[in-house]
């Protein structure tokens, strides 16, 4: 790949890779990568290369302090915290983020250089919650101060080489609360729009299948529940943006689900669209407790348009 971006040959390189990404959907991978790019842009990094599971960026040497290595470390710390917050928010399971920082030189005509490969290798040596850096970066970080906690250092022989380098591992300060405030906006502003989550609770298989199909085609992340017990179990696991709810379900009814939502403060943000064949329901107190009540039969196109109102 020919590099068009003006980056200094002595720039600090940062390589990040998401591992075990096969355990999450392609959409979620896009959201994670977008979130990492969001942090890099915030710190003025130059994006050199990215893919479904990796990012390469550079930090130029500024005229003023702080040093680019220090900025790269601050950026890496925030990337880790945002990643951890997203993993909790989106139930990312056992996926992890590896980050390595290394000093160039980088070939301005081709980013497939030895320095880039070394930076990627450094990243592969990092553990969960750590940032691995090469020796030159460590000296710059040490000169700035002791804000970052050095966990260990080790000698490594490079693959297919007799050359050795010293790697330093830092455990960075936890700033999760500070940096995860904007997780929702990061998700929403991802290239896929965050693929808003819709939970369809309908016991009639034909309607359930129809609603799921049209909402999926409209770009929503659709999940289904076949009864009230299933609805509540899924609400406990992960909250949807919109709940499309049938009232007449066996066992725990739709009305019971609505009462459950009203009693749970953390669930109240879920928008409820009731779809019912009971014409009298629209005149009951229940209609005031939900965001929208639709009387069957409901046009699939209308359902999609109404759900979009709440996204």
C-alpha atoms as a PDB file:
ATOM      1  CA  UNK A   1       0.000   0.000   0.000  1.00  0.00           C
ATOM      2  CA  UNK A   2       1.388   3.403  -0.962  1.00  0.00           C
ATOM      3  CA  UNK A   3       1.113   5.913   1.833  1.00  0.00           C
ATOM      4  CA  UNK A   4      -0.354   9.247   0.778  1.00  0.00           C
ATOM      5  CA  UNK A   5      -0.624  10.800   4.251  1.00  0.00           C
ATOM      6  CA  UNK A   6       2.226  13.191   5.210  1.00  0.00           C
ATOM      7  CA  UNK A   7       3.872  11.344   8.075  1.00  0.00           C
ATOM      8  CA  UNK A   8       7.376  11.877   9.391  1.00  0.00           C
ATOM      9  CA  UNK A   9       9.876   9.105   8.883  1.00  0.00           C
ATOM     10  CA  UNK A  10      10.652   9.111  12.615  1.00  0.00           C
ATOM     11  CA  UNK A  11       7.006   8.951  13.683  1.00  0.00           C
ATOM     12  CA  UNK A  12       5.846   6.803  16.581  1.00  0.00           C
ATOM     13  CA  UNK A  13       3.839   3.828  15.325  1.00  0.00           C
ATOM     14  CA  UNK A  14       0.889   2.229  17.104  1.00  0.00           C
ATOM     15  CA  UNK A  15      -0.517  -1.109  16.043  1.00  0.00           C
ATOM     16  CA  UNK A  16      -3.735  -2.513  17.529  1.00  0.00           C
ATOM     17  CA  UNK A  17      -5.382  -5.849  16.795  1.00  0.00           C
ATOM     18  CA  UNK A  18      -8.607  -7.419  18.035  1.00  0.00           C
ATOM     19  CA  UNK A  19      -8.170 -11.112  18.796  1.00  0.00           C
ATOM     20  CA  UNK A  20     -10.841 -13.825  18.905  1.00  0.00           C
ATOM     21  CA  UNK A  21     -12.928 -11.598  16.664  1.00  0.00           C
ATOM     22  CA  UNK A  22     -14.600 -14.671  15.149  1.00  0.00           C
ATOM     23  CA  UNK A  23     -16.696 -14.867  18.294  1.00  0.00           C
ATOM     24  CA  UNK A  24     -18.513 -11.636  17.440  1.00  0.00           C
ATOM     25  CA  UNK A  25     -20.555 -10.619  14.418  1.00  0.00           C
ATOM     26  CA  UNK A  26     -18.995  -8.673  11.512  1.00  0.00           C
ATOM     27  CA  UNK A  27     -21.189  -5.727  12.526  1.00  0.00           C
ATOM     28  CA  UNK A  28     -19.748  -5.721  16.050  1.00  0.00           C
ATOM     29  CA  UNK A  29     -16.218  -5.875  14.649  1.00  0.00           C
ATOM     30  CA  UNK A  30     -16.951  -2.746  12.611  1.00  0.00           C
ATOM     31  CA  UNK A  31     -18.232  -0.985  15.739  1.00  0.00           C
ATOM     32  CA  UNK A  32     -15.106  -1.929  17.732  1.00  0.00           C
ATOM     33  CA  UNK A  33     -12.723  -0.778  14.981  1.00  0.00           C
ATOM     34  CA  UNK A  34     -14.688   2.446  14.508  1.00  0.00           C
ATOM     35  CA  UNK A  35     -14.465   3.145  18.246  1.00  0.00           C
ATOM     36  CA  UNK A  36     -10.683   2.690  18.190  1.00  0.00           C
ATOM     37  CA  UNK A  37     -10.425   5.009  15.189  1.00  0.00           C
ATOM     38  CA  UNK A  38     -12.502   7.564  17.102  1.00  0.00           C
ATOM     39  CA  UNK A  39      -9.927   7.596  19.921  1.00  0.00           C
ATOM     40  CA  UNK A  40      -6.978   7.796  17.509  1.00  0.00           C
ATOM     41  CA  UNK A  41      -8.481  10.806  15.760  1.00  0.00           C
ATOM     42  CA  UNK A  42      -9.033  12.478  19.123  1.00  0.00           C
ATOM     43  CA  UNK A  43      -5.297  12.275  19.815  1.00  0.00           C
ATOM     44  CA  UNK A  44      -4.297  13.516  16.363  1.00  0.00           C
ATOM     45  CA  UNK A  45      -3.005  10.194  15.065  1.00  0.00           C
ATOM     46  CA  UNK A  46      -2.617   9.588  11.335  1.00  0.00           C
ATOM     47  CA  UNK A  47      -4.421   6.428  10.244  1.00  0.00           C
ATOM     48  CA  UNK A  48      -2.122   4.427   7.967  1.00  0.00           C
ATOM     49  CA  UNK A  49      -3.965   1.153   7.544  1.00  0.00           C
ATOM     50  CA  UNK A  50      -7.001  -0.629   8.920  1.00  0.00           C
ATOM     51  CA  UNK A  51      -8.973  -3.804   8.405  1.00  0.00           C
ATOM     52  CA  UNK A  52     -11.704  -5.837  10.043  1.00  0.00           C
ATOM     53  CA  UNK A  53      -9.556  -6.543  13.096  1.00  0.00           C
ATOM     54  CA  UNK A  54      -6.492  -4.256  13.042  1.00  0.00           C
ATOM     55  CA  UNK A  55      -5.386  -0.615  12.894  1.00  0.00           C
ATOM     56  CA  UNK A  56      -2.020   0.985  12.190  1.00  0.00           C
ATOM     57  CA  UNK A  57      -1.510   4.649  13.052  1.00  0.00           C
ATOM     58  CA  UNK A  58       1.353   7.133  13.411  1.00  0.00           C
ATOM     59  CA  UNK A  59       2.064  10.035  15.747  1.00  0.00           C
ATOM     60  CA  UNK A  60       4.262  12.742  14.266  1.00  0.00           C
ATOM     61  CA  UNK A  61       6.849  14.617  16.309  1.00  0.00           C
ATOM     62  CA  UNK A  62       5.206  17.917  17.306  1.00  0.00           C
ATOM     63  CA  UNK A  63       7.075  21.177  17.686  1.00  0.00           C
ATOM     64  CA  UNK A  64       5.848  21.456  21.256  1.00  0.00           C
ATOM     65  CA  UNK A  65       5.783  18.892  24.042  1.00  0.00           C
ATOM     66  CA  UNK A  66       4.439  16.372  25.023  1.00  0.00           C
ATOM     67  CA  UNK A  67       6.500  13.867  23.131  1.00  0.00           C
ATOM     68  CA  UNK A  68       4.657  11.686  20.582  1.00  0.00           C
ATOM     69  CA  UNK A  69       5.483   8.554  22.584  1.00  0.00           C
ATOM     70  CA  UNK A  70       3.686  10.018  25.593  1.00  0.00           C
ATOM     71  CA  UNK A  71       0.673  10.965  23.450  1.00  0.00           C
ATOM     72  CA  UNK A  72       0.649   7.478  21.940  1.00  0.00           C
ATOM     73  CA  UNK A  73       0.612   5.929  25.417  1.00  0.00           C
ATOM     74  CA  UNK A  74      -2.253   8.169  26.541  1.00  0.00           C
ATOM     75  CA  UNK A  75      -4.123   7.235  23.371  1.00  0.00           C
ATOM     76  CA  UNK A  76      -3.434   3.517  23.863  1.00  0.00           C
ATOM     77  CA  UNK A  77      -4.746   3.735  27.409  1.00  0.00           C
ATOM     78  CA  UNK A  78      -8.008   5.282  26.247  1.00  0.00           C
ATOM     79  CA  UNK A  79      -8.301   2.741  23.440  1.00  0.00           C
ATOM     80  CA  UNK A  80      -8.074  -0.071  25.982  1.00  0.00           C
ATOM     81  CA  UNK A  81     -10.695   1.512  28.234  1.00  0.00           C
ATOM     82  CA  UNK A  82     -13.121   2.215  25.391  1.00  0.00           C
ATOM     83  CA  UNK A  83     -12.607  -1.324  24.129  1.00  0.00           C
ATOM     84  CA  UNK A  84     -13.350  -2.752  27.579  1.00  0.00           C
ATOM     85  CA  UNK A  85     -16.443  -0.598  27.908  1.00  0.00           C
ATOM     86  CA  UNK A  86     -17.731  -1.676  24.503  1.00  0.00           C
ATOM     87  CA  UNK A  87     -17.031  -5.301  25.318  1.00  0.00           C
ATOM     88  CA  UNK A  88     -19.262  -5.038  28.380  1.00  0.00           C
ATOM     89  CA  UNK A  89     -21.914  -2.968  26.574  1.00  0.00           C
ATOM     90  CA  UNK A  90     -22.156  -5.291  23.574  1.00  0.00           C
ATOM     91  CA  UNK A  91     -21.430  -8.597  25.319  1.00  0.00           C
ATOM     92  CA  UNK A  92     -18.229  -9.080  23.397  1.00  0.00           C
ATOM     93  CA  UNK A  93     -17.280 -12.178  25.370  1.00  0.00           C
ATOM     94  CA  UNK A  94     -13.642 -13.210  25.488  1.00  0.00           C
ATOM     95  CA  UNK A  95     -12.299 -10.954  22.746  1.00  0.00           C
ATOM     96  CA  UNK A  96      -9.199  -8.930  23.604  1.00  0.00           C
ATOM     97  CA  UNK A  97      -7.226  -6.008  22.282  1.00  0.00           C
ATOM     98  CA  UNK A  98      -3.456  -6.091  21.754  1.00  0.00           C
ATOM     99  CA  UNK A  99      -1.595  -2.794  21.370  1.00  0.00           C
ATOM    100  CA  UNK A 100       2.068  -2.234  20.572  1.00  0.00           C
ATOM    101  CA  UNK A 101       4.016   1.022  20.244  1.00  0.00           C
ATOM    102  CA  UNK A 102       7.309   1.378  18.425  1.00  0.00           C
ATOM    103  CA  UNK A 103       9.470   4.098  16.889  1.00  0.00           C
ATOM    104  CA  UNK A 104       9.898   4.233  13.072  1.00  0.00           C
ATOM    105  CA  UNK A 105      11.604   4.758  10.701  1.00  0.00           C
ATOM    106  CA  UNK A 106       8.781   4.135   8.286  1.00  0.00           C
ATOM    107  CA  UNK A 107       9.097   4.017   4.518  1.00  0.00           C
ATOM    108  CA  UNK A 108       6.913   6.862   3.296  1.00  0.00           C
ATOM    109  CA  UNK A 109       6.273   5.042   0.034  1.00  0.00           C
ATOM    110  CA  UNK A 110       5.308   1.715   1.516  1.00  0.00           C
ATOM    111  CA  UNK A 111       3.897   0.925   4.927  1.00  0.00           C
ATOM    112  CA  UNK A 112       4.758  -2.747   4.562  1.00  0.00           C
ATOM    113  CA  UNK A 113       8.096  -2.048   6.208  1.00  0.00           C
ATOM    114  CA  UNK A 114      10.294  -3.634   8.837  1.00  0.00           C
ATOM    115  CA  UNK A 115       9.252  -1.023  11.422  1.00  0.00           C
ATOM    116  CA  UNK A 116       5.586  -1.848  10.869  1.00  0.00           C
ATOM    117  CA  UNK A 117       6.203  -5.583  11.202  1.00  0.00           C
ATOM    118  CA  UNK A 118       8.149  -4.949  14.387  1.00  0.00           C
ATOM    119  CA  UNK A 119       5.309  -2.849  15.796  1.00  0.00           C
ATOM    120  CA  UNK A 120       2.851  -5.625  15.018  1.00  0.00           C
ATOM    121  CA  UNK A 121       5.165  -8.114  16.724  1.00  0.00           C
ATOM    122  CA  UNK A 122       5.369  -5.875  19.787  1.00  0.00           C
ATOM    123  CA  UNK A 123       1.567  -5.781  19.937  1.00  0.00           C
ATOM    124  CA  UNK A 124       1.369  -9.565  19.836  1.00  0.00           C
ATOM    125  CA  UNK A 125       3.472  -9.732  23.003  1.00  0.00           C
ATOM    126  CA  UNK A 126       1.063  -7.621  25.032  1.00  0.00           C
ATOM    127  CA  UNK A 127      -1.406  -9.154  27.456  1.00  0.00           C
ATOM    128  CA  UNK A 128      -4.954  -8.088  28.274  1.00  0.00           C
ATOM    129  CA  UNK A 129      -4.917  -4.643  29.843  1.00  0.00           C
ATOM    130  CA  UNK A 130      -1.269  -4.045  28.965  1.00  0.00           C
ATOM    131  CA  UNK A 131       0.557  -1.983  26.388  1.00  0.00           C
ATOM    132  CA  UNK A 132       3.851  -3.341  25.043  1.00  0.00           C
ATOM    133  CA  UNK A 133       6.497  -0.873  23.848  1.00  0.00           C
ATOM    134  CA  UNK A 134       9.966  -1.179  22.363  1.00  0.00           C
ATOM    135  CA  UNK A 135      13.076   0.056  24.109  1.00  0.00           C
ATOM    136  CA  UNK A 136      13.305   3.463  22.418  1.00  0.00           C
ATOM    137  CA  UNK A 137       9.721   4.258  23.351  1.00  0.00           C
ATOM    138  CA  UNK A 138      10.385   3.285  26.961  1.00  0.00           C
ATOM    139  CA  UNK A 139      13.219   5.803  27.217  1.00  0.00           C
ATOM    140  CA  UNK A 140      10.937   8.586  25.969  1.00  0.00           C
ATOM    141  CA  UNK A 141       8.139   7.583  28.361  1.00  0.00           C
ATOM    142  CA  UNK A 142      10.588   7.448  31.260  1.00  0.00           C
ATOM    143  CA  UNK A 143      11.775  10.959  30.424  1.00  0.00           C
ATOM    144  CA  UNK A 144       8.224  12.321  30.636  1.00  0.00           C
ATOM    145  CA  UNK A 145       7.340  10.859  34.012  1.00  0.00           C
ATOM    146  CA  UNK A 146       6.107   7.830  35.911  1.00  0.00           C
ATOM    147  CA  UNK A 147       2.375   8.116  35.235  1.00  0.00           C
ATOM    148  CA  UNK A 148       2.396   4.691  33.575  1.00  0.00           C
ATOM    149  CA  UNK A 149       3.073   1.659  35.747  1.00  0.00           C
ATOM    150  CA  UNK A 150       5.882  -0.534  34.388  1.00  0.00           C
ATOM    151  CA  UNK A 151       4.941  -4.165  35.000  1.00  0.00           C
ATOM    152  CA  UNK A 152       7.928  -5.989  33.524  1.00  0.00           C
ATOM    153  CA  UNK A 153      10.540  -5.949  30.806  1.00  0.00           C
ATOM    154  CA  UNK A 154      11.943  -8.843  28.832  1.00  0.00           C
ATOM    155  CA  UNK A 155      14.378  -9.704  26.068  1.00  0.00           C
ATOM    156  CA  UNK A 156      12.837 -11.112  22.912  1.00  0.00           C
ATOM    157  CA  UNK A 157      14.509 -12.663  19.881  1.00  0.00           C
ATOM    158  CA  UNK A 158      12.747 -11.514  16.743  1.00  0.00           C
ATOM    159  CA  UNK A 159      11.152 -14.169  14.525  1.00  0.00           C
ATOM    160  CA  UNK A 160      13.424 -15.505  11.777  1.00  0.00           C
ATOM    161  CA  UNK A 161      16.318 -13.444  13.162  1.00  0.00           C
ATOM    162  CA  UNK A 162      19.088 -13.473  15.732  1.00  0.00           C
ATOM    163  CA  UNK A 163      18.374  -9.843  16.663  1.00  0.00           C
ATOM    164  CA  UNK A 164      16.989  -9.223  20.147  1.00  0.00           C
ATOM    165  CA  UNK A 165      14.932  -6.338  21.447  1.00  0.00           C
ATOM    166  CA  UNK A 166      13.820  -5.318  24.915  1.00  0.00           C
ATOM    167  CA  UNK A 167      10.067  -5.062  25.430  1.00  0.00           C
ATOM    168  CA  UNK A 168       8.520  -3.097  28.276  1.00  0.00           C
ATOM    169  CA  UNK A 169       5.008  -3.851  29.507  1.00  0.00           C
ATOM    170  CA  UNK A 170       2.895  -1.137  31.090  1.00  0.00           C
ATOM    171  CA  UNK A 171      -0.314  -1.543  33.051  1.00  0.00           C
ATOM    172  CA  UNK A 172      -2.140   1.696  32.380  1.00  0.00           C
ATOM    173  CA  UNK A 173      -4.379   3.636  34.795  1.00  0.00           C
ATOM    174  CA  UNK A 174      -8.073   2.758  34.744  1.00  0.00           C
ATOM    175  CA  UNK A 175     -10.062   5.682  33.392  1.00  0.00           C
ATOM    176  CA  UNK A 176     -13.073   3.608  32.371  1.00  0.00           C
ATOM    177  CA  UNK A 177     -15.700   5.910  33.847  1.00  0.00           C
ATOM    178  CA  UNK A 178     -14.177   8.946  32.154  1.00  0.00           C
ATOM    179  CA  UNK A 179     -13.796   7.490  28.668  1.00  0.00           C
ATOM    180  CA  UNK A 180     -16.927   5.334  28.379  1.00  0.00           C
ATOM    181  CA  UNK A 181     -19.415   8.180  28.742  1.00  0.00           C
ATOM    182  CA  UNK A 182     -19.701   8.467  24.976  1.00  0.00           C
ATOM    183  CA  UNK A 183     -19.926   4.759  24.179  1.00  0.00           C
ATOM    184  CA  UNK A 184     -23.503   5.070  22.981  1.00  0.00           C
ATOM    185  CA  UNK A 185     -22.644   7.881  20.587  1.00  0.00           C
ATOM    186  CA  UNK A 186     -19.628   5.918  19.357  1.00  0.00           C
ATOM    187  CA  UNK A 187     -21.883   2.955  18.592  1.00  0.00           C
ATOM    188  CA  UNK A 188     -24.553   5.106  16.996  1.00  0.00           C
ATOM    189  CA  UNK A 189     -22.031   6.921  14.803  1.00  0.00           C
ATOM    190  CA  UNK A 190     -20.317   3.774  13.596  1.00  0.00           C
ATOM    191  CA  UNK A 191     -20.401   3.149   9.828  1.00  0.00           C
ATOM    192  CA  UNK A 192     -23.314   0.737  10.281  1.00  0.00           C
ATOM    193  CA  UNK A 193     -25.260   3.207  12.383  1.00  0.00           C
ATOM    194  CA  UNK A 194     -24.898   0.923  15.366  1.00  0.00           C
ATOM    195  CA  UNK A 195     -27.435  -1.523  13.862  1.00  0.00           C
ATOM    196  CA  UNK A 196     -30.087  -0.780  16.482  1.00  0.00           C
ATOM    197  CA  UNK A 197     -31.303  -3.798  18.406  1.00  0.00           C
ATOM    198  CA  UNK A 198     -34.975  -4.785  18.158  1.00  0.00           C
ATOM    199  CA  UNK A 199     -36.529  -7.556  20.247  1.00  0.00           C
ATOM    200  CA  UNK A 200     -39.709  -9.081  18.790  1.00  0.00           C
ATOM    201  CA  UNK A 201     -41.962 -10.815  21.327  1.00  0.00           C
ATOM    202  CA  UNK A 202     -44.673 -12.666  19.443  1.00  0.00           C
ATOM    203  CA  UNK A 203     -46.006 -16.204  20.032  1.00  0.00           C
ATOM    204  CA  UNK A 204     -47.525 -16.607  16.547  1.00  0.00           C
ATOM    205  CA  UNK A 205     -44.751 -18.122  14.369  1.00  0.00           C
ATOM    206  CA  UNK A 206     -46.003 -16.624  11.093  1.00  0.00           C
ATOM    207  CA  UNK A 207     -46.174 -13.059  12.435  1.00  0.00           C
ATOM    208  CA  UNK A 208     -42.903 -13.451  14.321  1.00  0.00           C
ATOM    209  CA  UNK A 209     -41.156 -14.587  11.138  1.00  0.00           C
ATOM    210  CA  UNK A 210     -42.694 -11.778   9.054  1.00  0.00           C
ATOM    211  CA  UNK A 211     -41.796  -9.024  11.532  1.00  0.00           C
ATOM    212  CA  UNK A 212     -38.256 -10.366  11.893  1.00  0.00           C
ATOM    213  CA  UNK A 213     -37.729 -10.509   8.131  1.00  0.00           C
ATOM    214  CA  UNK A 214     -38.876  -6.963   7.353  1.00  0.00           C
ATOM    215  CA  UNK A 215     -36.960  -5.438  10.267  1.00  0.00           C
ATOM    216  CA  UNK A 216     -33.770  -7.303   9.353  1.00  0.00           C
ATOM    217  CA  UNK A 217     -34.119  -6.104   5.769  1.00  0.00           C
ATOM    218  CA  UNK A 218     -34.436  -2.574   7.145  1.00  0.00           C
ATOM    219  CA  UNK A 219     -31.016  -2.922   8.794  1.00  0.00           C
ATOM    220  CA  UNK A 220     -31.976  -3.685  12.397  1.00  0.00           C
ATOM    221  CA  UNK A 221     -30.262  -6.215  14.641  1.00  0.00           C
ATOM    222  CA  UNK A 222     -33.302  -8.420  15.277  1.00  0.00           C
ATOM    223  CA  UNK A 223     -33.826 -10.883  18.125  1.00  0.00           C
ATOM    224  CA  UNK A 224     -36.956 -12.891  18.839  1.00  0.00           C
ATOM    225  CA  UNK A 225     -38.768 -14.130  21.945  1.00  0.00           C
ATOM    226  CA  UNK A 226     -41.560 -16.706  21.832  1.00  0.00           C
ATOM    227  CA  UNK A 227     -43.154 -16.000  25.227  1.00  0.00           C
ATOM    228  CA  UNK A 228     -43.017 -13.667  28.211  1.00  0.00           C
ATOM    229  CA  UNK A 229     -40.408 -15.717  30.067  1.00  0.00           C
ATOM    230  CA  UNK A 230     -38.135 -15.486  27.040  1.00  0.00           C
ATOM    231  CA  UNK A 231     -38.658 -11.704  26.811  1.00  0.00           C
ATOM    232  CA  UNK A 232     -37.622 -11.080  30.404  1.00  0.00           C
ATOM    233  CA  UNK A 233     -34.630 -13.418  30.098  1.00  0.00           C
ATOM    234  CA  UNK A 234     -33.398 -11.474  27.076  1.00  0.00           C
ATOM    235  CA  UNK A 235     -34.008  -8.120  28.759  1.00  0.00           C
ATOM    236  CA  UNK A 236     -31.853  -9.328  31.647  1.00  0.00           C
ATOM    237  CA  UNK A 237     -29.071 -10.312  29.229  1.00  0.00           C
ATOM    238  CA  UNK A 238     -29.001  -7.260  26.928  1.00  0.00           C
ATOM    239  CA  UNK A 239     -31.409  -4.377  26.469  1.00  0.00           C
ATOM    240  CA  UNK A 240     -32.866  -3.705  23.015  1.00  0.00           C
ATOM    241  CA  UNK A 241     -33.511  -0.234  21.695  1.00  0.00           C
ATOM    242  CA  UNK A 242     -37.078  -1.187  20.790  1.00  0.00           C
ATOM    243  CA  UNK A 243     -39.317  -3.997  22.063  1.00  0.00           C
ATOM    244  CA  UNK A 244     -42.100  -5.064  19.667  1.00  0.00           C
ATOM    245  CA  UNK A 245     -44.510  -6.768  22.050  1.00  0.00           C
ATOM    246  CA  UNK A 246     -47.621  -8.892  21.628  1.00  0.00           C
ATOM    247  CA  UNK A 247     -49.985  -8.695  24.612  1.00  0.00           C
ATOM    248  CA  UNK A 248     -51.587 -12.139  24.366  1.00  0.00           C
ATOM    249  CA  UNK A 249     -48.626 -14.415  25.056  1.00  0.00           C
ATOM    250  CA  UNK A 250     -48.910 -17.567  27.186  1.00  0.00           C
ATOM    251  CA  UNK A 251     -47.472 -17.680  30.699  1.00  0.00           C
ATOM    252  CA  UNK A 252     -46.085 -14.227  31.422  1.00  0.00           C
ATOM    253  CA  UNK A 253     -48.288 -11.938  29.341  1.00  0.00           C
ATOM    254  CA  UNK A 254     -47.331  -8.813  27.461  1.00  0.00           C
ATOM    255  CA  UNK A 255     -48.969  -6.755  30.219  1.00  0.00           C
ATOM    256  CA  UNK A 256     -46.739  -8.490  32.783  1.00  0.00           C
ATOM    257  CA  UNK A 257     -43.698  -7.618  30.676  1.00  0.00           C
ATOM    258  CA  UNK A 258     -44.766  -3.955  30.576  1.00  0.00           C
ATOM    259  CA  UNK A 259     -45.124  -3.905  34.365  1.00  0.00           C
ATOM    260  CA  UNK A 260     -41.662  -5.457  34.661  1.00  0.00           C
ATOM    261  CA  UNK A 261     -40.197  -2.738  32.438  1.00  0.00           C
ATOM    262  CA  UNK A 262     -41.920   0.001  34.457  1.00  0.00           C
ATOM    263  CA  UNK A 263     -40.474  -1.342  37.709  1.00  0.00           C
ATOM    264  CA  UNK A 264     -36.916  -1.613  36.451  1.00  0.00           C
ATOM    265  CA  UNK A 265     -35.182   1.769  36.265  1.00  0.00           C
ATOM    266  CA  UNK A 266     -32.429   0.499  33.949  1.00  0.00           C
ATOM    267  CA  UNK A 267     -34.975  -1.010  31.540  1.00  0.00           C
ATOM    268  CA  UNK A 268     -37.202   2.058  31.274  1.00  0.00           C
ATOM    269  CA  UNK A 269     -35.206   3.469  28.371  1.00  0.00           C
ATOM    270  CA  UNK A 270     -36.449   0.622  26.139  1.00  0.00           C
ATOM    271  CA  UNK A 271     -39.100   1.835  23.711  1.00  0.00           C
ATOM    272  CA  UNK A 272     -42.174  -0.431  23.685  1.00  0.00           C
ATOM    273  CA  UNK A 273     -44.292  -0.901  20.562  1.00  0.00           C
ATOM    274  CA  UNK A 274     -47.334  -3.037  21.358  1.00  0.00           C
ATOM    275  CA  UNK A 275     -48.900  -5.016  18.520  1.00  0.00           C
ATOM    276  CA  UNK A 276     -52.266  -6.486  19.548  1.00  0.00           C
ATOM    277  CA  UNK A 277     -55.507  -7.764  18.118  1.00  0.00           C
ATOM    278  CA  UNK A 278     -57.452  -6.374  21.078  1.00  0.00           C
ATOM    279  CA  UNK A 279     -59.185  -3.219  19.826  1.00  0.00           C
ATOM    280  CA  UNK A 280     -60.143  -2.213  23.384  1.00  0.00           C
ATOM    281  CA  UNK A 281     -56.491  -2.132  24.490  1.00  0.00           C
ATOM    282  CA  UNK A 282     -55.972   1.215  22.766  1.00  0.00           C
ATOM    283  CA  UNK A 283     -58.571   2.744  25.091  1.00  0.00           C
ATOM    284  CA  UNK A 284     -57.149   1.267  28.296  1.00  0.00           C
ATOM    285  CA  UNK A 285     -54.646   2.642  30.789  1.00  0.00           C
ATOM    286  CA  UNK A 286     -52.108   0.307  29.236  1.00  0.00           C
ATOM    287  CA  UNK A 287     -51.912   2.528  26.158  1.00  0.00           C
ATOM    288  CA  UNK A 288     -50.441   5.307  28.318  1.00  0.00           C
ATOM    289  CA  UNK A 289     -47.690   3.014  29.611  1.00  0.00           C
ATOM    290  CA  UNK A 290     -46.166   2.193  26.211  1.00  0.00           C
ATOM    291  CA  UNK A 291     -44.634   4.302  23.472  1.00  0.00           C
ATOM    292  CA  UNK A 292     -46.929   3.093  20.700  1.00  0.00           C
ATOM    293  CA  UNK A 293     -49.865   0.698  20.333  1.00  0.00           C
ATOM    294  CA  UNK A 294     -50.697  -0.838  16.957  1.00  0.00           C
ATOM    295  CA  UNK A 295     -53.865  -2.847  16.272  1.00  0.00           C
ATOM    296  CA  UNK A 296     -53.542  -5.970  14.122  1.00  0.00           C
ATOM    297  CA  UNK A 297     -53.403  -6.424  11.201  1.00  0.00           C
ATOM    298  CA  UNK A 298     -50.280  -4.281  10.920  1.00  0.00           C
ATOM    299  CA  UNK A 299     -48.609  -3.475   7.613  1.00  0.00           C
ATOM    300  CA  UNK A 300     -44.936  -4.587   7.631  1.00  0.00           C
ATOM    301  CA  UNK A 301     -43.963  -1.255   6.058  1.00  0.00           C
ATOM    302  CA  UNK A 302     -45.807   0.650   8.793  1.00  0.00           C
ATOM    303  CA  UNK A 303     -44.101  -1.426  11.490  1.00  0.00           C
ATOM    304  CA  UNK A 304     -40.656  -0.575  10.088  1.00  0.00           C
ATOM    305  CA  UNK A 305     -41.489   3.131   9.861  1.00  0.00           C
ATOM    306  CA  UNK A 306     -42.847   3.242  13.400  1.00  0.00           C
ATOM    307  CA  UNK A 307     -39.804   1.421  14.828  1.00  0.00           C
ATOM    308  CA  UNK A 308     -37.506   3.875  13.017  1.00  0.00           C
ATOM    309  CA  UNK A 309     -39.184   6.743  14.891  1.00  0.00           C
ATOM    310  CA  UNK A 310     -37.672   5.502  18.132  1.00  0.00           C
ATOM    311  CA  UNK A 311     -34.106   5.002  16.884  1.00  0.00           C
END
